[in-house]
Amino acid sequence: MQKWLAIAALLMLLTLSKAGTATAEDYESGFGFGISVPNVWLVLTRSEVTNSAEVFLGDGGVSGLGSVPLAMRRAVYDRVQAGELEIFYRREDTPGSFIDNVNVLMQSADLPSTPDQLENICQILPTEFSRVFGRPIAMDVCEMRERIGRRSLYLEFDGAVPGTTTLQYQIQRSQRATLIMTATAATENLPRMMGEFEEMIASIRLR
């Protein structure tokens, strides 16, 4: 199983100040697309990740971050710093609690092109996510959709942290690139997240 599957599914527990973030309405991604994000969301900048390194890489006592393996947190931290990963988070969530978030990356990956391939990956992913997250992960939805005129794999599954749910679109951008948008929310916020996430996906403008 490719390493990006684990990283793309990773959520963040963010207990950060809002300094150093950009208001995210119409946003130009470093991955070569535009996106409209509700104004209650903010973009997590490289500088804020740097200033909050202890949150990402510390002992995880705050907000239960320690439940996410250090190796996974290090992978995310390094990728944001390198410009390989972007994160949006909802600024209205209560400080110290789980903050609903969306992360964005681009990878070289092929989406399932036949029903058999789709069935195969839908069977493999729960086991892989369970292994990576260290607890049983249920897959609620695994299906092909069309978004922004492109073939897309849609996943809905238990988040890495108990009490959260993850939604993911893998959108085929070209033969060599797949745009991966991963949203994670506290399960009680799932209806809100579904609506806002679909709005974000529908607004994507590929360059």
N, C-alpha and C. Protein backbone atom coordinates (compact mmCIF):
# COMPACT_ATOMS: atom_id res chain seq x y z
N MET A 1 0.85 -1.20 0.00
CA MET A 1 0.00 0.00 0.00
C MET A 1 0.88 1.23 0.00
N GLN A 2 0.58 2.18 -0.85
CA GLN A 2 1.41 3.34 -1.00
C GLN A 2 1.38 4.21 0.25
N LYS A 3 2.54 4.81 0.57
CA LYS A 3 2.69 5.59 1.79
C LYS A 3 1.73 6.77 1.83
N TRP A 4 1.39 7.35 0.65
CA TRP A 4 0.54 8.54 0.65
C TRP A 4 -0.85 8.26 1.19
N LEU A 5 -1.29 7.02 1.15
CA LEU A 5 -2.62 6.73 1.66
C LEU A 5 -2.71 7.05 3.14
N ALA A 6 -1.67 6.72 3.87
CA ALA A 6 -1.67 7.02 5.30
C ALA A 6 -1.55 8.51 5.55
N ILE A 7 -0.65 9.18 4.84
CA ILE A 7 -0.44 10.61 5.07
C ILE A 7 -1.65 11.41 4.65
N ALA A 8 -2.25 11.04 3.52
CA ALA A 8 -3.43 11.79 3.04
C ALA A 8 -4.58 11.68 4.00
N ALA A 9 -4.68 10.57 4.71
CA ALA A 9 -5.79 10.37 5.64
C ALA A 9 -5.56 11.02 6.98
N LEU A 10 -4.32 11.46 7.23
CA LEU A 10 -3.99 11.97 8.55
C LEU A 10 -4.72 13.26 8.86
N LEU A 11 -5.29 13.35 10.06
CA LEU A 11 -5.88 14.58 10.54
C LEU A 11 -4.94 15.21 11.55
N MET A 12 -5.17 16.46 11.84
CA MET A 12 -4.34 17.16 12.80
C MET A 12 -5.18 17.59 14.00
N LEU A 13 -4.62 17.52 15.20
CA LEU A 13 -5.23 18.13 16.38
C LEU A 13 -4.50 19.46 16.58
N LEU A 14 -5.14 20.56 16.27
CA LEU A 14 -4.48 21.86 16.26
C LEU A 14 -4.96 22.70 17.43
N THR A 15 -4.06 23.05 18.34
CA THR A 15 -4.36 23.99 19.39
C THR A 15 -3.41 25.15 19.18
N LEU A 16 -3.76 26.04 18.24
CA LEU A 16 -2.87 27.08 17.78
C LEU A 16 -3.50 28.44 17.96
N SER A 17 -2.67 29.46 18.08
CA SER A 17 -3.20 30.82 18.00
C SER A 17 -3.53 31.10 16.54
N LYS A 18 -4.31 32.12 16.29
CA LYS A 18 -4.69 32.44 14.92
C LYS A 18 -3.70 33.38 14.25
N ALA A 19 -2.67 33.84 14.97
CA ALA A 19 -1.69 34.72 14.35
C ALA A 19 -0.95 33.99 13.25
N GLY A 20 -0.68 34.70 12.16
CA GLY A 20 0.10 34.10 11.08
C GLY A 20 -0.73 33.33 10.09
N THR A 21 -2.05 33.35 10.22
CA THR A 21 -2.90 32.65 9.27
C THR A 21 -3.50 33.64 8.29
N ALA A 22 -3.93 33.14 7.15
CA ALA A 22 -4.53 33.98 6.13
C ALA A 22 -6.02 33.68 6.05
N THR A 23 -6.83 34.74 5.93
CA THR A 23 -8.25 34.51 5.72
C THR A 23 -8.44 33.75 4.43
N ALA A 24 -9.20 32.68 4.48
CA ALA A 24 -9.32 31.80 3.31
C ALA A 24 -10.70 31.94 2.70
N GLU A 25 -10.81 32.83 1.74
CA GLU A 25 -12.04 32.94 0.97
C GLU A 25 -11.72 32.42 -0.43
N ASP A 26 -11.25 33.29 -1.34
CA ASP A 26 -10.71 32.80 -2.60
C ASP A 26 -9.23 32.59 -2.41
N TYR A 27 -8.79 31.36 -2.54
CA TYR A 27 -7.42 30.99 -2.19
C TYR A 27 -6.74 30.34 -3.37
N GLU A 28 -5.50 30.75 -3.64
CA GLU A 28 -4.70 30.14 -4.69
C GLU A 28 -3.74 29.14 -4.05
N SER A 29 -3.94 27.89 -4.36
CA SER A 29 -3.11 26.83 -3.79
C SER A 29 -1.75 26.78 -4.47
N GLY A 30 -0.75 26.39 -3.70
CA GLY A 30 0.57 26.16 -4.27
C GLY A 30 0.60 24.96 -5.20
N PHE A 31 -0.49 24.19 -5.23
CA PHE A 31 -0.57 23.02 -6.10
C PHE A 31 -1.20 23.36 -7.45
N GLY A 32 -1.42 24.64 -7.73
CA GLY A 32 -1.86 25.03 -9.05
C GLY A 32 -3.36 24.98 -9.28
N PHE A 33 -4.13 25.36 -8.27
CA PHE A 33 -5.57 25.47 -8.46
C PHE A 33 -6.11 26.55 -7.53
N GLY A 34 -7.25 27.11 -7.90
CA GLY A 34 -7.94 28.04 -7.04
C GLY A 34 -9.06 27.33 -6.32
N ILE A 35 -9.44 27.84 -5.16
CA ILE A 35 -10.53 27.24 -4.39
C ILE A 35 -11.20 28.33 -3.56
N SER A 36 -12.49 28.23 -3.40
CA SER A 36 -13.24 29.14 -2.53
C SER A 36 -13.54 28.41 -1.24
N VAL A 37 -13.14 29.02 -0.13
CA VAL A 37 -13.29 28.40 1.18
C VAL A 37 -14.16 29.31 2.03
N PRO A 38 -15.16 28.78 2.75
CA PRO A 38 -15.99 29.63 3.61
C PRO A 38 -15.14 30.50 4.52
N ASN A 39 -15.59 31.74 4.77
CA ASN A 39 -14.74 32.67 5.50
C ASN A 39 -14.60 32.34 6.98
N VAL A 40 -15.25 31.28 7.45
CA VAL A 40 -14.99 30.82 8.82
C VAL A 40 -13.79 29.89 8.88
N TRP A 41 -13.18 29.64 7.73
CA TRP A 41 -11.99 28.79 7.66
C TRP A 41 -10.74 29.65 7.49
N LEU A 42 -9.60 29.13 7.96
CA LEU A 42 -8.32 29.80 7.80
C LEU A 42 -7.32 28.85 7.16
N VAL A 43 -6.32 29.44 6.52
CA VAL A 43 -5.24 28.66 5.92
C VAL A 43 -4.09 28.59 6.91
N LEU A 44 -3.62 27.40 7.18
CA LEU A 44 -2.47 27.21 8.05
C LEU A 44 -1.20 27.44 7.24
N THR A 45 -0.44 28.47 7.61
CA THR A 45 0.75 28.83 6.85
C THR A 45 1.98 28.06 7.35
N ARG A 46 3.02 28.07 6.53
CA ARG A 46 4.27 27.44 6.93
C ARG A 46 4.81 28.08 8.21
N SER A 47 4.72 29.42 8.31
CA SER A 47 5.28 30.10 9.47
C SER A 47 4.57 29.68 10.75
N GLU A 48 3.25 29.47 10.68
CA GLU A 48 2.54 29.07 11.89
C GLU A 48 2.91 27.65 12.29
N VAL A 49 3.11 26.78 11.32
CA VAL A 49 3.56 25.43 11.63
C VAL A 49 4.91 25.48 12.34
N THR A 50 5.80 26.33 11.85
CA THR A 50 7.11 26.47 12.48
C THR A 50 6.99 26.97 13.91
N ASN A 51 6.15 27.99 14.10
CA ASN A 51 5.99 28.57 15.44
C ASN A 51 5.30 27.63 16.41
N SER A 52 4.59 26.63 15.89
CA SER A 52 3.85 25.70 16.74
C SER A 52 4.44 24.29 16.70
N ALA A 53 5.73 24.22 16.48
CA ALA A 53 6.37 22.91 16.35
C ALA A 53 6.14 22.03 17.57
N GLU A 54 6.08 22.65 18.75
CA GLU A 54 5.91 21.84 19.96
C GLU A 54 4.55 21.16 20.00
N VAL A 55 3.54 21.76 19.34
CA VAL A 55 2.22 21.14 19.29
C VAL A 55 2.25 19.90 18.41
N PHE A 56 2.94 20.02 17.28
CA PHE A 56 3.01 18.90 16.34
C PHE A 56 3.92 17.78 16.84
N LEU A 57 5.03 18.16 17.48
CA LEU A 57 6.08 17.18 17.73
C LEU A 57 6.34 16.91 19.20
N GLY A 58 5.57 17.57 20.09
CA GLY A 58 5.77 17.37 21.52
C GLY A 58 5.16 16.07 22.01
N ASP A 59 4.98 15.99 23.32
CA ASP A 59 4.49 14.73 23.91
C ASP A 59 3.01 14.50 23.69
N GLY A 60 2.31 15.52 23.15
CA GLY A 60 0.91 15.31 22.79
C GLY A 60 -0.05 15.37 23.94
N GLY A 61 0.36 15.97 25.05
CA GLY A 61 -0.54 16.04 26.18
C GLY A 61 -1.76 16.91 25.93
N VAL A 62 -1.60 17.93 25.10
CA VAL A 62 -2.70 18.85 24.83
C VAL A 62 -3.62 18.27 23.78
N SER A 63 -4.92 18.24 24.08
CA SER A 63 -5.95 17.81 23.13
C SER A 63 -5.76 16.39 22.63
N GLY A 64 -4.95 15.58 23.31
CA GLY A 64 -4.82 14.19 22.91
C GLY A 64 -3.99 13.95 21.67
N LEU A 65 -3.14 14.92 21.29
CA LEU A 65 -2.34 14.72 20.08
C LEU A 65 -1.45 13.50 20.18
N GLY A 66 -1.14 13.08 21.40
CA GLY A 66 -0.30 11.90 21.57
C GLY A 66 -0.93 10.64 21.01
N SER A 67 -2.24 10.65 20.72
CA SER A 67 -2.88 9.48 20.14
C SER A 67 -2.53 9.31 18.66
N VAL A 68 -1.96 10.38 18.06
CA VAL A 68 -1.48 10.28 16.68
C VAL A 68 0.01 9.96 16.75
N PRO A 69 0.47 8.86 16.13
CA PRO A 69 1.88 8.47 16.24
C PRO A 69 2.83 9.60 15.85
N LEU A 70 3.93 9.71 16.59
CA LEU A 70 4.90 10.77 16.33
C LEU A 70 5.41 10.73 14.90
N ALA A 71 5.63 9.53 14.36
CA ALA A 71 6.15 9.44 13.00
C ALA A 71 5.19 10.07 11.99
N MET A 72 3.88 9.91 12.23
CA MET A 72 2.89 10.52 11.34
C MET A 72 2.89 12.03 11.50
N ARG A 73 2.97 12.50 12.76
CA ARG A 73 3.01 13.95 12.98
C ARG A 73 4.25 14.56 12.34
N ARG A 74 5.38 13.88 12.45
CA ARG A 74 6.62 14.36 11.86
C ARG A 74 6.50 14.41 10.33
N ALA A 75 5.87 13.41 9.75
CA ALA A 75 5.69 13.39 8.30
C ALA A 75 4.87 14.59 7.83
N VAL A 76 3.78 14.89 8.56
CA VAL A 76 2.95 16.04 8.20
C VAL A 76 3.71 17.34 8.38
N TYR A 77 4.37 17.49 9.52
CA TYR A 77 5.14 18.71 9.80
C TYR A 77 6.16 18.96 8.69
N ASP A 78 6.91 17.94 8.34
CA ASP A 78 7.94 18.09 7.31
C ASP A 78 7.34 18.44 5.96
N ARG A 79 6.19 17.87 5.65
CA ARG A 79 5.59 18.12 4.34
C ARG A 79 4.99 19.52 4.23
N VAL A 80 4.42 20.03 5.33
CA VAL A 80 3.94 21.41 5.31
C VAL A 80 5.12 22.36 5.14
N GLN A 81 6.19 22.10 5.87
CA GLN A 81 7.37 22.93 5.79
C GLN A 81 7.97 22.94 4.38
N ALA A 82 7.87 21.81 3.70
CA ALA A 82 8.43 21.69 2.35
C ALA A 82 7.48 22.16 1.26
N GLY A 83 6.28 22.61 1.64
CA GLY A 83 5.31 23.04 0.65
C GLY A 83 4.63 21.90 -0.07
N GLU A 84 4.64 20.71 0.54
CA GLU A 84 4.04 19.53 -0.07
C GLU A 84 2.65 19.23 0.47
N LEU A 85 2.20 19.99 1.47
CA LEU A 85 0.92 19.75 2.12
C LEU A 85 0.37 21.09 2.57
N GLU A 86 -0.94 21.30 2.37
CA GLU A 86 -1.60 22.51 2.83
C GLU A 86 -2.75 22.11 3.76
N ILE A 87 -3.00 22.94 4.77
CA ILE A 87 -4.04 22.63 5.74
C ILE A 87 -4.94 23.85 5.94
N PHE A 88 -6.25 23.62 5.89
CA PHE A 88 -7.25 24.63 6.27
C PHE A 88 -7.87 24.16 7.59
N TYR A 89 -8.23 25.11 8.44
CA TYR A 89 -8.97 24.69 9.63
C TYR A 89 -10.04 25.71 9.98
N ARG A 90 -11.04 25.22 10.68
CA ARG A 90 -12.23 26.03 10.98
C ARG A 90 -11.96 26.88 12.22
N ARG A 91 -11.96 28.19 12.07
CA ARG A 91 -11.54 29.07 13.15
C ARG A 91 -12.58 29.22 14.25
N GLU A 92 -13.83 28.81 14.01
CA GLU A 92 -14.86 28.96 15.04
C GLU A 92 -14.87 27.83 16.05
N ASP A 93 -14.08 26.79 15.82
CA ASP A 93 -14.06 25.69 16.78
C ASP A 93 -13.41 26.14 18.09
N THR A 94 -13.78 25.48 19.17
CA THR A 94 -13.34 25.89 20.50
C THR A 94 -11.87 25.56 20.73
N PRO A 95 -11.04 26.54 21.12
CA PRO A 95 -9.63 26.24 21.41
C PRO A 95 -9.52 25.12 22.44
N GLY A 96 -8.58 24.22 22.22
CA GLY A 96 -8.39 23.11 23.13
C GLY A 96 -9.20 21.88 22.78
N SER A 97 -10.13 22.02 21.84
CA SER A 97 -10.92 20.87 21.38
C SER A 97 -10.43 20.47 19.99
N PHE A 98 -10.97 19.38 19.47
CA PHE A 98 -10.61 18.98 18.12
C PHE A 98 -11.08 20.05 17.14
N ILE A 99 -10.21 20.45 16.24
CA ILE A 99 -10.54 21.48 15.27
C ILE A 99 -10.75 20.84 13.91
N ASP A 100 -11.95 21.00 13.35
CA ASP A 100 -12.25 20.44 12.03
C ASP A 100 -11.28 21.02 11.01
N ASN A 101 -10.77 20.18 10.12
CA ASN A 101 -9.72 20.62 9.22
C ASN A 101 -9.78 19.91 7.87
N VAL A 102 -9.14 20.50 6.90
CA VAL A 102 -9.00 19.92 5.56
C VAL A 102 -7.53 19.99 5.20
N ASN A 103 -6.96 18.88 4.73
CA ASN A 103 -5.60 18.96 4.22
C ASN A 103 -5.57 18.60 2.74
N VAL A 104 -4.60 19.19 2.06
CA VAL A 104 -4.52 19.12 0.60
C VAL A 104 -3.13 18.68 0.20
N LEU A 105 -3.05 17.73 -0.72
CA LEU A 105 -1.76 17.36 -1.30
C LEU A 105 -1.97 16.84 -2.71
N MET A 106 -0.87 16.78 -3.44
CA MET A 106 -0.89 16.25 -4.79
C MET A 106 0.07 15.06 -4.83
N GLN A 107 -0.40 13.95 -5.41
CA GLN A 107 0.43 12.76 -5.49
C GLN A 107 0.31 12.13 -6.87
N SER A 108 1.30 11.35 -7.20
CA SER A 108 1.24 10.52 -8.40
C SER A 108 0.54 9.22 -8.02
N ALA A 109 -0.67 9.04 -8.51
CA ALA A 109 -1.44 7.86 -8.15
C ALA A 109 -2.50 7.61 -9.22
N ASP A 110 -2.81 6.35 -9.43
CA ASP A 110 -3.84 5.98 -10.39
C ASP A 110 -5.11 5.59 -9.64
N LEU A 111 -6.23 6.16 -10.03
CA LEU A 111 -7.50 5.79 -9.42
C LEU A 111 -8.03 4.50 -10.02
N PRO A 112 -8.89 3.79 -9.32
CA PRO A 112 -9.48 2.57 -9.88
C PRO A 112 -10.19 2.89 -11.19
N SER A 113 -9.99 2.05 -12.17
CA SER A 113 -10.61 2.28 -13.49
C SER A 113 -11.63 1.22 -13.85
N THR A 114 -11.76 0.17 -13.03
CA THR A 114 -12.74 -0.89 -13.27
C THR A 114 -13.45 -1.20 -11.96
N PRO A 115 -14.64 -1.80 -12.01
CA PRO A 115 -15.32 -2.19 -10.78
C PRO A 115 -14.49 -3.12 -9.91
N ASP A 116 -13.74 -4.03 -10.53
CA ASP A 116 -12.92 -4.96 -9.75
C ASP A 116 -11.81 -4.21 -9.00
N GLN A 117 -11.19 -3.24 -9.66
CA GLN A 117 -10.15 -2.47 -8.99
C GLN A 117 -10.72 -1.66 -7.83
N LEU A 118 -11.91 -1.10 -8.03
CA LEU A 118 -12.56 -0.35 -6.96
C LEU A 118 -12.88 -1.27 -5.79
N GLU A 119 -13.43 -2.42 -6.06
CA GLU A 119 -13.76 -3.37 -5.00
C GLU A 119 -12.52 -3.77 -4.23
N ASN A 120 -11.44 -3.98 -4.94
CA ASN A 120 -10.19 -4.40 -4.31
C ASN A 120 -9.67 -3.33 -3.35
N ILE A 121 -9.64 -2.08 -3.82
CA ILE A 121 -9.09 -1.03 -2.96
C ILE A 121 -10.02 -0.74 -1.78
N CYS A 122 -11.32 -0.88 -1.99
CA CYS A 122 -12.27 -0.67 -0.89
C CYS A 122 -12.13 -1.74 0.18
N GLN A 123 -11.68 -2.92 -0.20
CA GLN A 123 -11.45 -3.98 0.77
C GLN A 123 -10.13 -3.79 1.51
N ILE A 124 -9.13 -3.26 0.81
CA ILE A 124 -7.79 -3.11 1.39
C ILE A 124 -7.70 -1.94 2.36
N LEU A 125 -8.35 -0.84 2.03
CA LEU A 125 -8.14 0.40 2.78
C LEU A 125 -8.49 0.31 4.27
N PRO A 126 -9.62 -0.30 4.68
CA PRO A 126 -9.89 -0.36 6.12
C PRO A 126 -8.78 -1.06 6.90
N THR A 127 -8.24 -2.12 6.35
CA THR A 127 -7.14 -2.83 7.01
C THR A 127 -5.91 -1.96 7.10
N GLU A 128 -5.61 -1.26 6.01
CA GLU A 128 -4.43 -0.39 6.00
C GLU A 128 -4.57 0.76 6.98
N PHE A 129 -5.73 1.41 6.99
CA PHE A 129 -5.94 2.51 7.91
C PHE A 129 -5.91 2.01 9.35
N SER A 130 -6.47 0.86 9.62
CA SER A 130 -6.45 0.29 10.97
C SER A 130 -5.02 0.06 11.43
N ARG A 131 -4.19 -0.44 10.52
CA ARG A 131 -2.78 -0.68 10.86
C ARG A 131 -2.07 0.63 11.16
N VAL A 132 -2.29 1.64 10.32
CA VAL A 132 -1.60 2.91 10.48
C VAL A 132 -2.08 3.66 11.72
N PHE A 133 -3.39 3.67 11.97
CA PHE A 133 -3.95 4.43 13.08
C PHE A 133 -3.92 3.67 14.40
N GLY A 134 -3.65 2.38 14.36
CA GLY A 134 -3.52 1.61 15.59
C GLY A 134 -4.82 1.28 16.27
N ARG A 135 -5.94 1.33 15.52
CA ARG A 135 -7.23 0.93 16.07
C ARG A 135 -8.13 0.55 14.90
N PRO A 136 -9.20 -0.21 15.14
CA PRO A 136 -10.08 -0.62 14.04
C PRO A 136 -10.72 0.59 13.37
N ILE A 137 -10.64 0.65 12.05
CA ILE A 137 -11.21 1.74 11.27
C ILE A 137 -12.26 1.19 10.32
N ALA A 138 -13.48 1.71 10.43
CA ALA A 138 -14.57 1.27 9.55
C ALA A 138 -14.67 2.21 8.36
N MET A 139 -14.88 1.62 7.18
CA MET A 139 -15.08 2.38 5.95
C MET A 139 -16.58 2.43 5.67
N ASP A 140 -17.17 3.62 5.71
CA ASP A 140 -18.60 3.77 5.50
C ASP A 140 -18.96 3.95 4.03
N VAL A 141 -18.12 4.66 3.29
CA VAL A 141 -18.37 4.89 1.86
C VAL A 141 -17.06 4.76 1.11
N CYS A 142 -17.09 4.05 -0.01
CA CYS A 142 -15.93 3.93 -0.89
C CYS A 142 -16.50 3.76 -2.29
N GLU A 143 -16.45 4.84 -3.09
CA GLU A 143 -17.12 4.79 -4.39
C GLU A 143 -16.51 5.82 -5.34
N MET A 144 -16.76 5.62 -6.62
CA MET A 144 -16.33 6.59 -7.62
C MET A 144 -17.42 7.63 -7.82
N ARG A 145 -17.01 8.89 -7.94
CA ARG A 145 -17.91 9.99 -8.24
C ARG A 145 -17.26 10.85 -9.32
N GLU A 146 -18.03 11.80 -9.82
CA GLU A 146 -17.46 12.81 -10.72
C GLU A 146 -17.56 14.15 -10.03
N ARG A 147 -16.42 14.83 -9.91
CA ARG A 147 -16.38 16.16 -9.34
C ARG A 147 -15.53 17.05 -10.23
N ILE A 148 -15.95 18.27 -10.40
CA ILE A 148 -15.32 19.26 -11.28
C ILE A 148 -14.95 18.66 -12.64
N GLY A 149 -15.82 17.79 -13.13
CA GLY A 149 -15.62 17.17 -14.43
C GLY A 149 -14.54 16.12 -14.48
N ARG A 150 -14.12 15.64 -13.33
CA ARG A 150 -13.04 14.64 -13.27
C ARG A 150 -13.47 13.40 -12.48
N ARG A 151 -12.90 12.25 -12.87
CA ARG A 151 -13.12 11.03 -12.10
C ARG A 151 -12.55 11.22 -10.70
N SER A 152 -13.31 10.79 -9.69
CA SER A 152 -12.88 11.00 -8.31
C SER A 152 -13.24 9.79 -7.47
N LEU A 153 -12.34 9.41 -6.60
CA LEU A 153 -12.61 8.37 -5.61
C LEU A 153 -13.03 9.08 -4.33
N TYR A 154 -14.19 8.69 -3.79
CA TYR A 154 -14.68 9.29 -2.54
C TYR A 154 -14.64 8.24 -1.44
N LEU A 155 -14.07 8.64 -0.29
CA LEU A 155 -13.99 7.77 0.88
C LEU A 155 -14.60 8.48 2.08
N GLU A 156 -15.24 7.70 2.93
CA GLU A 156 -15.75 8.21 4.21
C GLU A 156 -15.47 7.12 5.25
N PHE A 157 -14.70 7.47 6.29
CA PHE A 157 -14.27 6.45 7.24
C PHE A 157 -13.99 7.06 8.60
N ASP A 158 -13.81 6.19 9.61
CA ASP A 158 -13.49 6.65 10.95
C ASP A 158 -12.18 7.42 10.93
N GLY A 159 -12.14 8.54 11.66
CA GLY A 159 -10.90 9.29 11.75
C GLY A 159 -9.87 8.57 12.61
N ALA A 160 -8.64 9.05 12.53
CA ALA A 160 -7.56 8.44 13.32
C ALA A 160 -7.80 8.61 14.81
N VAL A 161 -8.44 9.71 15.20
CA VAL A 161 -8.74 9.96 16.61
C VAL A 161 -10.19 9.57 16.88
N PRO A 162 -10.45 8.79 17.93
CA PRO A 162 -11.83 8.41 18.24
C PRO A 162 -12.74 9.63 18.32
N GLY A 163 -13.97 9.47 17.81
CA GLY A 163 -14.93 10.56 17.84
C GLY A 163 -14.83 11.49 16.65
N THR A 164 -14.03 11.12 15.65
CA THR A 164 -13.91 11.93 14.44
C THR A 164 -14.24 11.08 13.21
N THR A 165 -14.59 11.75 12.13
CA THR A 165 -14.88 11.10 10.86
C THR A 165 -14.10 11.81 9.76
N THR A 166 -13.57 11.04 8.82
CA THR A 166 -12.78 11.60 7.72
C THR A 166 -13.49 11.39 6.40
N LEU A 167 -13.50 12.44 5.59
CA LEU A 167 -14.02 12.43 4.22
C LEU A 167 -12.85 12.71 3.30
N GLN A 168 -12.80 12.01 2.17
CA GLN A 168 -11.67 12.23 1.27
C GLN A 168 -12.09 12.12 -0.19
N TYR A 169 -11.65 13.10 -0.99
CA TYR A 169 -11.76 13.02 -2.44
C TYR A 169 -10.37 12.88 -3.02
N GLN A 170 -10.22 11.90 -3.92
CA GLN A 170 -9.02 11.77 -4.72
C GLN A 170 -9.45 12.06 -6.15
N ILE A 171 -9.00 13.20 -6.67
CA ILE A 171 -9.46 13.70 -7.96
C ILE A 171 -8.35 13.58 -8.99
N GLN A 172 -8.62 12.84 -10.06
CA GLN A 172 -7.61 12.64 -11.09
C GLN A 172 -7.41 13.94 -11.85
N ARG A 173 -6.24 14.54 -11.68
CA ARG A 173 -5.95 15.80 -12.37
C ARG A 173 -5.33 15.56 -13.73
N SER A 174 -4.45 14.60 -13.81
CA SER A 174 -3.79 14.23 -15.07
C SER A 174 -3.33 12.79 -14.93
N GLN A 175 -2.67 12.29 -15.95
CA GLN A 175 -2.17 10.91 -15.87
C GLN A 175 -1.15 10.76 -14.76
N ARG A 176 -0.48 11.83 -14.41
CA ARG A 176 0.60 11.74 -13.44
C ARG A 176 0.28 12.37 -12.10
N ALA A 177 -0.88 12.97 -11.95
CA ALA A 177 -1.16 13.70 -10.72
C ALA A 177 -2.59 13.49 -10.26
N THR A 178 -2.74 13.25 -8.96
CA THR A 178 -4.04 13.13 -8.32
C THR A 178 -4.10 14.13 -7.17
N LEU A 179 -5.12 14.96 -7.17
CA LEU A 179 -5.34 15.92 -6.09
C LEU A 179 -6.11 15.21 -4.97
N ILE A 180 -5.57 15.27 -3.77
CA ILE A 180 -6.17 14.58 -2.63
C ILE A 180 -6.60 15.60 -1.60
N MET A 181 -7.90 15.67 -1.35
CA MET A 181 -8.49 16.59 -0.38
C MET A 181 -9.09 15.75 0.74
N THR A 182 -8.60 15.95 1.96
CA THR A 182 -9.03 15.15 3.09
C THR A 182 -9.60 16.05 4.19
N ALA A 183 -10.85 15.83 4.55
CA ALA A 183 -11.50 16.60 5.60
C ALA A 183 -11.75 15.70 6.80
N THR A 184 -11.44 16.22 7.99
CA THR A 184 -11.72 15.47 9.21
C THR A 184 -12.47 16.37 10.19
N ALA A 185 -13.52 15.84 10.77
CA ALA A 185 -14.36 16.62 11.69
C ALA A 185 -14.74 15.77 12.89
N ALA A 186 -14.98 16.44 14.01
CA ALA A 186 -15.64 15.76 15.12
C ALA A 186 -16.95 15.20 14.59
N THR A 187 -17.28 13.98 14.95
CA THR A 187 -18.43 13.30 14.34
C THR A 187 -19.72 14.09 14.51
N GLU A 188 -19.87 14.81 15.63
CA GLU A 188 -21.09 15.61 15.81
C GLU A 188 -21.17 16.78 14.83
N ASN A 189 -20.03 17.15 14.24
CA ASN A 189 -20.00 18.24 13.26
C ASN A 189 -20.07 17.73 11.82
N LEU A 190 -20.28 16.44 11.65
CA LEU A 190 -20.20 15.85 10.31
C LEU A 190 -21.18 16.47 9.31
N PRO A 191 -22.45 16.70 9.67
CA PRO A 191 -23.36 17.31 8.68
C PRO A 191 -22.85 18.66 8.19
N ARG A 192 -22.34 19.47 9.10
CA ARG A 192 -21.78 20.77 8.72
C ARG A 192 -20.57 20.60 7.82
N MET A 193 -19.68 19.70 8.19
CA MET A 193 -18.48 19.47 7.40
C MET A 193 -18.81 18.97 6.01
N MET A 194 -19.77 18.05 5.90
CA MET A 194 -20.12 17.52 4.58
C MET A 194 -20.55 18.64 3.64
N GLY A 195 -21.40 19.55 4.15
CA GLY A 195 -21.86 20.64 3.31
C GLY A 195 -20.74 21.58 2.90
N GLU A 196 -19.90 21.96 3.86
CA GLU A 196 -18.82 22.90 3.56
C GLU A 196 -17.76 22.25 2.68
N PHE A 197 -17.49 20.98 2.91
CA PHE A 197 -16.48 20.28 2.11
C PHE A 197 -16.92 20.15 0.66
N GLU A 198 -18.19 19.81 0.46
CA GLU A 198 -18.69 19.70 -0.92
C GLU A 198 -18.64 21.06 -1.63
N GLU A 199 -18.91 22.13 -0.90
CA GLU A 199 -18.81 23.46 -1.49
C GLU A 199 -17.37 23.76 -1.91
N MET A 200 -16.41 23.40 -1.06
CA MET A 200 -15.02 23.62 -1.41
C MET A 200 -14.64 22.82 -2.65
N ILE A 201 -15.03 21.55 -2.68
CA ILE A 201 -14.68 20.70 -3.82
C ILE A 201 -15.29 21.26 -5.09
N ALA A 202 -16.55 21.67 -5.05
CA ALA A 202 -17.23 22.18 -6.25
C ALA A 202 -16.60 23.46 -6.75
N SER A 203 -15.92 24.21 -5.87
CA SER A 203 -15.35 25.50 -6.25
C SER A 203 -13.95 25.39 -6.86
N ILE A 204 -13.35 24.21 -6.86
CA ILE A 204 -11.97 24.06 -7.32
C ILE A 204 -11.86 24.49 -8.78
N ARG A 205 -10.86 25.31 -9.06
CA ARG A 205 -10.57 25.78 -10.41
C ARG A 205 -9.15 25.36 -10.77
N LEU A 206 -9.04 24.32 -11.57
CA LEU A 206 -7.73 23.81 -11.93
C LEU A 206 -7.05 24.75 -12.92
N ARG A 207 -5.76 24.95 -12.75
CA ARG A 207 -4.98 25.83 -13.64
C ARG A 207 -4.29 25.02 -14.72
